[in-house]
Amino acid sequence: NRRVDFSDVEIVAQLETAWKKGAASYKQDERIVKHYAEILFKLDQKEQAAKVIEVALNKSWSDGLVKCYGDLDFGSPDRQLLIAERWIKSRPRNTSLLVALGRIAMRGELWGKAREYFNTSIEIAPTADAHGELARLLKAFGEEELADVHQEKFLQGIGAELATLPLPQAPNKPE
C-alpha cells in the first residue's frame, strides 16, 4: 500500500479534466453541479465554483442552485450581483433568486438593496429564509420591533438556516 499525496493544484487540475470530459447532462444536473461547486469552493477555487453554477443556471434554471449561489461567499459580491440581477429580469417573482440577491447584496454591504430584495421576496411568497435575513438586518439597524416580527416568522419556518453574512454596525445609541 503506497500512499499518494496530491497537492490542491493537482486535485483541481484532475477535477477540471474530469468536468470537461463529463457528459453535458451532468453539467446541468443540480446535485452534480452543486457538489462540484462545493468541492471547488473548499479547494479555494471560488471564482471557478461561481462560474460553474452560473453556466448551469444560464442553461437550465434551478432554485436549489441559485440558493447555493446566494449562500456561498465567492469573494466577488459586485460581480455576482450583476449576474444575478440579469436573471431577475426574466424571473422577477422567483423568491429563491430574490433571497439570493439579498444575501449577495449583504456581502457587498448594500444594506438598502438587500432589505428591498428580502421585502420583495416576502411580498411574493413569505419564506423563513427571507424573514430571518430581514430580521437580523433590521436588528443591526436598531429596528427592534420590526426585527422581532420577522424573527418570529423565521422561527415559525422550522428548518431554515441563515448564511453567514456581514451586517452593518449598530448605530450608536445615546447614553
C-alpha atoms as a PDB file:
ATOM      1  CA  ASN A   1       0.000   0.000   0.000  1.00  0.00           C
ATOM      2  CA  ARG A   2       1.638   3.137  -1.262  1.00  0.00           C
ATOM      3  CA  ARG A   3       0.159   6.451  -0.184  1.00  0.00           C
ATOM      4  CA  VAL A   4      -0.210   9.058  -2.905  1.00  0.00           C
ATOM      5  CA  ASP A   5      -0.304  12.697  -1.863  1.00  0.00           C
ATOM      6  CA  PHE A   6      -1.774  15.237  -4.206  1.00  0.00           C
ATOM      7  CA  SER A   7      -1.491  18.963  -3.894  1.00  0.00           C
ATOM      8  CA  ASP A   8      -4.615  21.086  -4.195  1.00  0.00           C
ATOM      9  CA  VAL A   9      -3.351  22.255  -7.590  1.00  0.00           C
ATOM     10  CA  GLU A  10      -3.164  18.673  -8.844  1.00  0.00           C
ATOM     11  CA  ILE A  11      -6.590  17.859  -7.434  1.00  0.00           C
ATOM     12  CA  VAL A  12      -8.112  20.935  -9.088  1.00  0.00           C
ATOM     13  CA  ALA A  13      -6.450  20.053 -12.399  1.00  0.00           C
ATOM     14  CA  GLN A  14      -7.821  16.494 -12.213  1.00  0.00           C
ATOM     15  CA  LEU A  15     -11.277  17.785 -11.308  1.00  0.00           C
ATOM     16  CA  GLU A  16     -11.249  20.231 -14.226  1.00  0.00           C
ATOM     17  CA  THR A  17     -10.215  17.479 -16.622  1.00  0.00           C
ATOM     18  CA  ALA A  18     -12.958  15.165 -15.369  1.00  0.00           C
ATOM     19  CA  TRP A  19     -15.517  18.006 -15.540  1.00  0.00           C
ATOM     20  CA  LYS A  20     -14.568  18.876 -19.130  1.00  0.00           C
ATOM     21  CA  LYS A  21     -14.843  15.222 -20.166  1.00  0.00           C
ATOM     22  CA  GLY A  22     -18.152  14.766 -18.337  1.00  0.00           C
ATOM     23  CA  ALA A  23     -21.445  14.464 -20.139  1.00  0.00           C
ATOM     24  CA  ALA A  24     -23.286  17.717 -20.836  1.00  0.00           C
ATOM     25  CA  SER A  25     -26.261  16.429 -18.843  1.00  0.00           C
ATOM     26  CA  TYR A  26     -24.064  16.234 -15.717  1.00  0.00           C
ATOM     27  CA  LYS A  27     -23.175  19.916 -16.064  1.00  0.00           C
ATOM     28  CA  GLN A  28     -26.866  20.791 -15.758  1.00  0.00           C
ATOM     29  CA  ASP A  29     -27.779  18.314 -13.005  1.00  0.00           C
ATOM     30  CA  GLU A  30     -28.436  20.347  -9.855  1.00  0.00           C
ATOM     31  CA  ARG A  31     -26.923  17.808  -7.443  1.00  0.00           C
ATOM     32  CA  ILE A  32     -23.778  17.222  -9.513  1.00  0.00           C
ATOM     33  CA  VAL A  33     -23.178  20.922 -10.199  1.00  0.00           C
ATOM     34  CA  LYS A  34     -23.748  21.827  -6.549  1.00  0.00           C
ATOM     35  CA  HIS A  35     -21.397  19.085  -5.343  1.00  0.00           C
ATOM     36  CA  TYR A  36     -18.687  20.048  -7.841  1.00  0.00           C
ATOM     37  CA  ALA A  37     -19.010  23.743  -6.962  1.00  0.00           C
ATOM     38  CA  GLU A  38     -18.785  22.970  -3.230  1.00  0.00           C
ATOM     39  CA  ILE A  39     -15.625  20.904  -3.787  1.00  0.00           C
ATOM     40  CA  LEU A  40     -14.060  23.748  -5.791  1.00  0.00           C
ATOM     41  CA  PHE A  41     -15.124  26.196  -3.083  1.00  0.00           C
ATOM     42  CA  LYS A  42     -13.462  24.094  -0.376  1.00  0.00           C
ATOM     43  CA  LEU A  43     -10.309  23.966  -2.505  1.00  0.00           C
ATOM     44  CA  ASP A  44     -10.382  27.803  -2.573  1.00  0.00           C
ATOM     45  CA  GLN A  45     -11.323  27.901  -6.256  1.00  0.00           C
ATOM     46  CA  LYS A  46     -14.171  30.282  -5.508  1.00  0.00           C
ATOM     47  CA  GLU A  47     -14.277  32.105  -8.844  1.00  0.00           C
ATOM     48  CA  GLN A  48     -14.374  28.810 -10.716  1.00  0.00           C
ATOM     49  CA  ALA A  49     -17.064  27.455  -8.367  1.00  0.00           C
ATOM     50  CA  ALA A  50     -19.224  30.514  -9.015  1.00  0.00           C
ATOM     51  CA  LYS A  51     -18.785  30.185 -12.783  1.00  0.00           C
ATOM     52  CA  VAL A  52     -19.801  26.523 -12.737  1.00  0.00           C
ATOM     53  CA  ILE A  53     -23.078  27.469 -11.054  1.00  0.00           C
ATOM     54  CA  GLU A  54     -23.597  30.457 -13.363  1.00  0.00           C
ATOM     55  CA  VAL A  55     -23.127  28.359 -16.503  1.00  0.00           C
ATOM     56  CA  ALA A  56     -25.526  25.715 -15.200  1.00  0.00           C
ATOM     57  CA  LEU A  57     -28.161  28.322 -14.284  1.00  0.00           C
ATOM     58  CA  ASN A  58     -27.858  30.006 -17.668  1.00  0.00           C
ATOM     59  CA  LYS A  59     -28.552  26.675 -19.375  1.00  0.00           C
ATOM     60  CA  SER A  60     -31.112  25.187 -17.010  1.00  0.00           C
ATOM     61  CA  TRP A  61     -32.699  27.091 -14.127  1.00  0.00           C
ATOM     62  CA  SER A  62     -32.641  25.549 -10.637  1.00  0.00           C
ATOM     63  CA  ASP A  63     -33.906  27.170  -7.439  1.00  0.00           C
ATOM     64  CA  GLY A  64     -31.558  24.883  -5.479  1.00  0.00           C
ATOM     65  CA  LEU A  65     -28.518  26.104  -7.402  1.00  0.00           C
ATOM     66  CA  VAL A  66     -29.492  29.759  -7.088  1.00  0.00           C
ATOM     67  CA  LYS A  67     -29.856  29.209  -3.331  1.00  0.00           C
ATOM     68  CA  CYS A  68     -26.322  27.772  -3.277  1.00  0.00           C
ATOM     69  CA  TYR A  69     -25.141  30.767  -5.318  1.00  0.00           C
ATOM     70  CA  GLY A  70     -26.523  33.116  -2.678  1.00  0.00           C
ATOM     71  CA  ASP A  71     -25.348  31.043   0.290  1.00  0.00           C
ATOM     72  CA  LEU A  72     -21.656  30.768  -0.609  1.00  0.00           C
ATOM     73  CA  ASP A  73     -19.282  33.722  -0.362  1.00  0.00           C
ATOM     74  CA  PHE A  74     -17.357  33.559  -3.626  1.00  0.00           C
ATOM     75  CA  GLY A  75     -15.495  36.759  -2.747  1.00  0.00           C
ATOM     76  CA  SER A  76     -16.963  38.781  -5.630  1.00  0.00           C
ATOM     77  CA  PRO A  77     -20.332  40.177  -4.499  1.00  0.00           C
ATOM     78  CA  ASP A  78     -20.315  43.026  -7.040  1.00  0.00           C
ATOM     79  CA  ARG A  79     -19.801  40.618  -9.940  1.00  0.00           C
ATOM     80  CA  GLN A  80     -22.326  38.135  -8.546  1.00  0.00           C
ATOM     81  CA  LEU A  81     -24.901  40.866  -8.069  1.00  0.00           C
ATOM     82  CA  LEU A  82     -24.576  41.987 -11.694  1.00  0.00           C
ATOM     83  CA  ILE A  83     -25.053  38.438 -12.921  1.00  0.00           C
ATOM     84  CA  ALA A  84     -27.958  37.619 -10.608  1.00  0.00           C
ATOM     85  CA  GLU A  85     -29.675  40.907 -11.429  1.00  0.00           C
ATOM     86  CA  ARG A  86     -29.706  39.794 -15.083  1.00  0.00           C
ATOM     87  CA  TRP A  87     -31.538  36.636 -14.028  1.00  0.00           C
ATOM     88  CA  ILE A  88     -34.177  38.565 -12.082  1.00  0.00           C
ATOM     89  CA  LYS A  89     -35.234  40.331 -15.291  1.00  0.00           C
ATOM     90  CA  SER A  90     -36.648  37.060 -16.621  1.00  0.00           C
ATOM     91  CA  ARG A  91     -37.696  35.733 -13.181  1.00  0.00           C
ATOM     92  CA  PRO A  92     -38.982  38.792 -11.283  1.00  0.00           C
ATOM     93  CA  ARG A  93     -41.143  36.744  -8.907  1.00  0.00           C
ATOM     94  CA  ASN A  94     -38.646  33.993  -8.088  1.00  0.00           C
ATOM     95  CA  THR A  95     -38.328  34.109  -4.301  1.00  0.00           C
ATOM     96  CA  SER A  96     -35.226  31.876  -4.216  1.00  0.00           C
ATOM     97  CA  LEU A  97     -33.467  34.311  -6.526  1.00  0.00           C
ATOM     98  CA  LEU A  98     -34.681  37.335  -4.545  1.00  0.00           C
ATOM     99  CA  VAL A  99     -33.311  35.866  -1.284  1.00  0.00           C
ATOM    100  CA  ALA A 100     -30.025  35.010  -3.043  1.00  0.00           C
ATOM    101  CA  LEU A 101     -29.839  38.592  -4.334  1.00  0.00           C
ATOM    102  CA  GLY A 102     -30.464  39.896  -0.823  1.00  0.00           C
ATOM    103  CA  ARG A 103     -27.660  37.750   0.561  1.00  0.00           C
ATOM    104  CA  ILE A 104     -25.272  38.811  -2.194  1.00  0.00           C
ATOM    105  CA  ALA A 105     -26.185  42.468  -1.577  1.00  0.00           C
ATOM    106  CA  MET A 106     -25.418  41.977   2.129  1.00  0.00           C
ATOM    107  CA  ARG A 107     -21.989  40.604   1.252  1.00  0.00           C
ATOM    108  CA  GLY A 108     -21.432  43.758  -0.772  1.00  0.00           C
ATOM    109  CA  GLU A 109     -22.696  45.779   2.212  1.00  0.00           C
ATOM    110  CA  LEU A 110     -25.535  47.185   0.114  1.00  0.00           C
ATOM    111  CA  TRP A 111     -27.949  47.181   3.043  1.00  0.00           C
ATOM    112  CA  GLY A 112     -30.831  49.068   1.402  1.00  0.00           C
ATOM    113  CA  LYS A 113     -30.730  46.866  -1.672  1.00  0.00           C
ATOM    114  CA  ALA A 114     -30.624  43.729   0.493  1.00  0.00           C
ATOM    115  CA  ARG A 115     -33.612  44.938   2.501  1.00  0.00           C
ATOM    116  CA  GLU A 116     -35.519  45.645  -0.718  1.00  0.00           C
ATOM    117  CA  TYR A 117     -34.840  42.149  -2.088  1.00  0.00           C
ATOM    118  CA  PHE A 118     -35.910  40.455   1.160  1.00  0.00           C
ATOM    119  CA  ASN A 119     -39.070  42.584   1.388  1.00  0.00           C
ATOM    120  CA  THR A 120     -39.967  41.848  -2.243  1.00  0.00           C
ATOM    121  CA  SER A 121     -39.466  38.138  -1.669  1.00  0.00           C
ATOM    122  CA  ILE A 122     -41.738  38.235   1.391  1.00  0.00           C
ATOM    123  CA  GLU A 123     -44.411  40.167  -0.519  1.00  0.00           C
ATOM    124  CA  ILE A 124     -44.470  37.492  -3.238  1.00  0.00           C
ATOM    125  CA  ALA A 125     -44.280  34.406  -1.019  1.00  0.00           C
ATOM    126  CA  PRO A 126     -43.101  34.612   2.599  1.00  0.00           C
ATOM    127  CA  THR A 127     -40.306  32.165   3.418  1.00  0.00           C
ATOM    128  CA  ALA A 128     -38.405  31.531   6.621  1.00  0.00           C
ATOM    129  CA  ASP A 129     -35.114  32.452   4.924  1.00  0.00           C
ATOM    130  CA  ALA A 130     -36.355  35.858   3.786  1.00  0.00           C
ATOM    131  CA  HIS A 131     -37.884  36.633   7.204  1.00  0.00           C
ATOM    132  CA  GLY A 132     -34.733  35.508   9.011  1.00  0.00           C
ATOM    133  CA  GLU A 133     -32.370  37.539   6.861  1.00  0.00           C
ATOM    134  CA  LEU A 134     -34.576  40.616   7.088  1.00  0.00           C
ATOM    135  CA  ALA A 135     -34.908  40.191  10.879  1.00  0.00           C
ATOM    136  CA  ARG A 136     -31.191  40.234  11.509  1.00  0.00           C
ATOM    137  CA  LEU A 137     -30.633  43.109   9.099  1.00  0.00           C
ATOM    138  CA  LEU A 138     -33.327  45.176  10.845  1.00  0.00           C
ATOM    139  CA  LYS A 139     -31.889  44.276  14.248  1.00  0.00           C
ATOM    140  CA  ALA A 140     -28.469  45.518  13.143  1.00  0.00           C
ATOM    141  CA  PHE A 141     -30.115  48.830  12.211  1.00  0.00           C
ATOM    142  CA  GLY A 142     -31.759  49.039  15.623  1.00  0.00           C
ATOM    143  CA  GLU A 143     -35.287  48.447  14.296  1.00  0.00           C
ATOM    144  CA  GLU A 144     -36.014  46.001  17.120  1.00  0.00           C
ATOM    145  CA  GLU A 145     -39.826  45.827  16.926  1.00  0.00           C
ATOM    146  CA  LEU A 146     -39.957  45.133  13.202  1.00  0.00           C
ATOM    147  CA  ALA A 147     -36.991  42.757  13.537  1.00  0.00           C
ATOM    148  CA  ASP A 148     -38.883  40.808  16.235  1.00  0.00           C
ATOM    149  CA  VAL A 149     -41.908  40.421  13.928  1.00  0.00           C
ATOM    150  CA  HIS A 150     -39.721  38.928  11.191  1.00  0.00           C
ATOM    151  CA  GLN A 151     -37.735  36.854  13.698  1.00  0.00           C
ATOM    152  CA  GLU A 152     -40.951  35.254  14.933  1.00  0.00           C
ATOM    153  CA  LYS A 153     -41.960  34.427  11.358  1.00  0.00           C
ATOM    154  CA  PHE A 154     -38.491  32.983  10.766  1.00  0.00           C
ATOM    155  CA  LEU A 155     -38.775  30.786  13.864  1.00  0.00           C
ATOM    156  CA  GLN A 156     -42.126  29.504  12.624  1.00  0.00           C
ATOM    157  CA  GLY A 157     -40.344  28.257   9.486  1.00  0.00           C
ATOM    158  CA  ILE A 158     -38.607  25.330  11.162  1.00  0.00           C
ATOM    159  CA  GLY A 159     -35.554  24.006   9.365  1.00  0.00           C
ATOM    160  CA  ALA A 160     -34.396  27.290   7.890  1.00  0.00           C
ATOM    161  CA  GLU A 161     -30.720  28.142   8.231  1.00  0.00           C
ATOM    162  CA  LEU A 162     -29.232  31.535   7.596  1.00  0.00           C
ATOM    163  CA  ALA A 163     -25.955  32.008   5.754  1.00  0.00           C
ATOM    164  CA  THR A 164     -23.040  33.792   7.424  1.00  0.00           C
ATOM    165  CA  LEU A 165     -23.199  37.367   6.147  1.00  0.00           C
ATOM    166  CA  PRO A 166     -21.738  40.737   7.122  1.00  0.00           C
ATOM    167  CA  LEU A 167     -24.037  43.150   8.931  1.00  0.00           C
ATOM    168  CA  PRO A 168     -23.935  46.904   9.307  1.00  0.00           C
ATOM    169  CA  GLN A 169     -22.559  48.281  12.538  1.00  0.00           C
ATOM    170  CA  ALA A 170     -25.272  49.048  15.074  1.00  0.00           C
ATOM    171  CA  PRO A 171     -25.969  52.760  15.350  1.00  0.00           C
ATOM    172  CA  ASN A 172     -24.593  54.470  18.431  1.00  0.00           C
ATOM    173  CA  LYS A 173     -27.359  54.893  20.982  1.00  0.00           C
ATOM    174  CA  PRO A 174     -27.353  58.000  23.155  1.00  0.00           C
ATOM    175  CA  GLU A 175     -26.414  57.261  26.734  1.00  0.00           C
END
